[in-house]
C-alpha atoms as a PDB file:
ATOM      1  CA  UNK A   1      -5.752   5.096 -17.323  1.00  0.00           C
ATOM      2  CA  UNK A   2      -6.464   4.153 -13.732  1.00  0.00           C
ATOM      3  CA  UNK A   3      -7.123   1.028 -11.735  1.00  0.00           C
ATOM      4  CA  UNK A   4      -9.024   0.275  -8.555  1.00  0.00           C
ATOM      5  CA  UNK A   5      -7.128  -1.358  -5.689  1.00  0.00           C
ATOM      6  CA  UNK A   6      -8.471  -2.272  -2.244  1.00  0.00           C
ATOM      7  CA  UNK A   7      -6.959  -0.845   0.957  1.00  0.00           C
ATOM      8  CA  UNK A   8      -7.117  -3.343   3.824  1.00  0.00           C
ATOM      9  CA  UNK A   9      -6.753  -1.776   7.255  1.00  0.00           C
ATOM     10  CA  UNK A  10      -6.641  -3.927  10.369  1.00  0.00           C
ATOM     11  CA  UNK A  11      -7.417  -2.259  13.678  1.00  0.00           C
ATOM     12  CA  UNK A  12      -6.455  -4.151  16.817  1.00  0.00           C
ATOM     13  CA  UNK A  13      -9.015  -5.154  19.391  1.00  0.00           C
ATOM     14  CA  UNK A  14      -8.709  -4.364  23.042  1.00  0.00           C
ATOM     15  CA  UNK A  15     -10.454  -4.908  26.335  1.00  0.00           C
ATOM     16  CA  UNK A  16     -13.879  -3.716  27.422  1.00  0.00           C
ATOM     17  CA  UNK A  17     -14.817  -2.417  30.895  1.00  0.00           C
ATOM     18  CA  UNK A  18     -14.928  -5.998  32.240  1.00  0.00           C
ATOM     19  CA  UNK A  19     -11.483  -6.819  30.774  1.00  0.00           C
ATOM     20  CA  UNK A  20     -13.106  -9.085  28.210  1.00  0.00           C
ATOM     21  CA  UNK A  21     -11.373  -9.128  24.821  1.00  0.00           C
ATOM     22  CA  UNK A  22     -12.860  -7.072  21.992  1.00  0.00           C
ATOM     23  CA  UNK A  23     -12.085  -8.481  18.531  1.00  0.00           C
ATOM     24  CA  UNK A  24     -10.159  -6.420  16.030  1.00  0.00           C
ATOM     25  CA  UNK A  25     -11.729  -5.108  12.846  1.00  0.00           C
ATOM     26  CA  UNK A  26     -10.794  -5.260   9.188  1.00  0.00           C
ATOM     27  CA  UNK A  27     -11.999  -2.540   6.823  1.00  0.00           C
ATOM     28  CA  UNK A  28     -11.702  -2.676   3.057  1.00  0.00           C
ATOM     29  CA  UNK A  29     -11.902   0.530   1.036  1.00  0.00           C
ATOM     30  CA  UNK A  30     -11.511   0.819  -2.753  1.00  0.00           C
ATOM     31  CA  UNK A  31      -8.890   3.352  -3.860  1.00  0.00           C
ATOM     32  CA  UNK A  32      -8.370   4.722  -7.358  1.00  0.00           C
ATOM     33  CA  UNK A  33      -4.721   4.351  -8.385  1.00  0.00           C
ATOM     34  CA  UNK A  34      -3.310   6.525 -11.166  1.00  0.00           C
ATOM     35  CA  UNK A  35      -1.251   3.565 -12.383  1.00  0.00           C
ATOM     36  CA  UNK A  36      -0.121   0.081 -11.338  1.00  0.00           C
ATOM     37  CA  UNK A  37       3.226  -1.136 -12.645  1.00  0.00           C
ATOM     38  CA  UNK A  38       4.631  -4.648 -12.252  1.00  0.00           C
ATOM     39  CA  UNK A  39       7.649  -5.046  -9.970  1.00  0.00           C
ATOM     40  CA  UNK A  40       9.887  -2.182  -8.891  1.00  0.00           C
ATOM     41  CA  UNK A  41      11.307   0.577 -11.043  1.00  0.00           C
ATOM     42  CA  UNK A  42      15.079   0.667 -11.544  1.00  0.00           C
ATOM     43  CA  UNK A  43      15.235   3.536  -9.069  1.00  0.00           C
ATOM     44  CA  UNK A  44      13.430   1.503  -6.388  1.00  0.00           C
ATOM     45  CA  UNK A  45      14.980  -1.943  -6.844  1.00  0.00           C
ATOM     46  CA  UNK A  46      17.323  -1.200  -3.944  1.00  0.00           C
ATOM     47  CA  UNK A  47      14.254  -0.877  -1.670  1.00  0.00           C
ATOM     48  CA  UNK A  48      13.749  -4.633  -1.797  1.00  0.00           C
ATOM     49  CA  UNK A  49      14.846  -6.292   1.418  1.00  0.00           C
ATOM     50  CA  UNK A  50      15.968  -9.842   1.997  1.00  0.00           C
ATOM     51  CA  UNK A  51      12.999 -12.192   1.828  1.00  0.00           C
ATOM     52  CA  UNK A  52      10.779  -9.627   0.075  1.00  0.00           C
ATOM     53  CA  UNK A  53       9.633  -9.437  -3.504  1.00  0.00           C
ATOM     54  CA  UNK A  54       8.182  -6.174  -4.805  1.00  0.00           C
ATOM     55  CA  UNK A  55       5.219  -7.324  -6.855  1.00  0.00           C
ATOM     56  CA  UNK A  56       3.799  -3.946  -7.925  1.00  0.00           C
ATOM     57  CA  UNK A  57       4.512  -0.230  -7.794  1.00  0.00           C
ATOM     58  CA  UNK A  58       1.308   1.757  -7.371  1.00  0.00           C
ATOM     59  CA  UNK A  59       1.014   5.490  -8.077  1.00  0.00           C
ATOM     60  CA  UNK A  60      -1.674   7.691  -6.499  1.00  0.00           C
ATOM     61  CA  UNK A  61      -2.428  11.299  -7.379  1.00  0.00           C
ATOM     62  CA  UNK A  62      -3.532  12.854  -5.076  1.00  0.00           C
ATOM     63  CA  UNK A  63      -2.226  10.838  -2.145  1.00  0.00           C
ATOM     64  CA  UNK A  64      -4.932   8.780  -0.359  1.00  0.00           C
ATOM     65  CA  UNK A  65      -5.232   7.818   3.318  1.00  0.00           C
ATOM     66  CA  UNK A  66      -2.710   4.969   3.326  1.00  0.00           C
ATOM     67  CA  UNK A  67      -0.082   3.969   5.889  1.00  0.00           C
ATOM     68  CA  UNK A  68       2.778   1.472   6.065  1.00  0.00           C
ATOM     69  CA  UNK A  69       0.587  -0.666   8.363  1.00  0.00           C
ATOM     70  CA  UNK A  70      -2.076  -1.165   5.670  1.00  0.00           C
ATOM     71  CA  UNK A  71      -2.222  -3.802   2.949  1.00  0.00           C
ATOM     72  CA  UNK A  72      -3.356  -3.467  -0.661  1.00  0.00           C
ATOM     73  CA  UNK A  73      -5.239  -6.010  -2.704  1.00  0.00           C
ATOM     74  CA  UNK A  74      -3.989  -5.599  -6.259  1.00  0.00           C
ATOM     75  CA  UNK A  75      -5.374  -7.829  -8.990  1.00  0.00           C
ATOM     76  CA  UNK A  76      -6.425 -10.404  -6.371  1.00  0.00           C
ATOM     77  CA  UNK A  77      -3.048 -10.442  -4.583  1.00  0.00           C
ATOM     78  CA  UNK A  78      -2.854  -9.079  -1.014  1.00  0.00           C
ATOM     79  CA  UNK A  79       0.451  -7.257  -0.437  1.00  0.00           C
ATOM     80  CA  UNK A  80       2.082  -5.322   2.372  1.00  0.00           C
ATOM     81  CA  UNK A  81       3.028  -1.762   1.470  1.00  0.00           C
ATOM     82  CA  UNK A  82       5.944   0.636   1.770  1.00  0.00           C
ATOM     83  CA  UNK A  83       5.011   4.293   1.196  1.00  0.00           C
ATOM     84  CA  UNK A  84       7.304   6.624  -0.762  1.00  0.00           C
ATOM     85  CA  UNK A  85       6.841  10.315  -1.536  1.00  0.00           C
ATOM     86  CA  UNK A  86       6.417  10.919  -5.265  1.00  0.00           C
ATOM     87  CA  UNK A  87       6.858  14.066  -7.310  1.00  0.00           C
ATOM     88  CA  UNK A  88       5.961  14.393 -10.935  1.00  0.00           C
ATOM     89  CA  UNK A  89       8.882  13.755 -13.285  1.00  0.00           C
ATOM     90  CA  UNK A  90       7.517  16.477 -15.550  1.00  0.00           C
ATOM     91  CA  UNK A  91       8.381  19.249 -13.102  1.00  0.00           C
ATOM     92  CA  UNK A  92       4.788  20.309 -12.505  1.00  0.00           C
ATOM     93  CA  UNK A  93       5.251  20.343  -8.731  1.00  0.00           C
ATOM     94  CA  UNK A  94       2.318  17.964  -8.284  1.00  0.00           C
ATOM     95  CA  UNK A  95       2.848  15.513  -5.462  1.00  0.00           C
ATOM     96  CA  UNK A  96       1.417  12.087  -5.045  1.00  0.00           C
ATOM     97  CA  UNK A  97       2.220   8.803  -3.425  1.00  0.00           C
ATOM     98  CA  UNK A  98       4.326   5.949  -4.732  1.00  0.00           C
ATOM     99  CA  UNK A  99       3.595   2.646  -3.020  1.00  0.00           C
ATOM    100  CA  UNK A 100       5.777  -0.444  -3.206  1.00  0.00           C
ATOM    101  CA  UNK A 101       3.534  -3.471  -2.759  1.00  0.00           C
ATOM    102  CA  UNK A 102       5.572  -6.444  -1.624  1.00  0.00           C
ATOM    103  CA  UNK A 103       5.272 -10.015  -0.472  1.00  0.00           C
ATOM    104  CA  UNK A 104       7.403 -11.469   2.294  1.00  0.00           C
ATOM    105  CA  UNK A 105       8.782 -14.750   1.025  1.00  0.00           C
ATOM    106  CA  UNK A 106      11.723 -16.857   1.839  1.00  0.00           C
END
């Protein structure tokens, strides 16, 4: 079973040849997640930092183009992300990406 999440990537603006500001851009791209789990797994609960709540753990196989500077929209909730390397627990050697989607609160 898989689920579609939206990657939100913000690119900063800059200055043109006349030193006039150029606005930044926001791109939204749908990504197919292998699975979306609520909260953090027991193994990753220690990854939570003060003022953060891990809302979802998202698994991708294969790993998509996603960075720690991106955000994910999961079930209507926009979250910041922390990327972790993920290897299959079944010993198949397949690698993917485990993403902790968190909200900064507090």
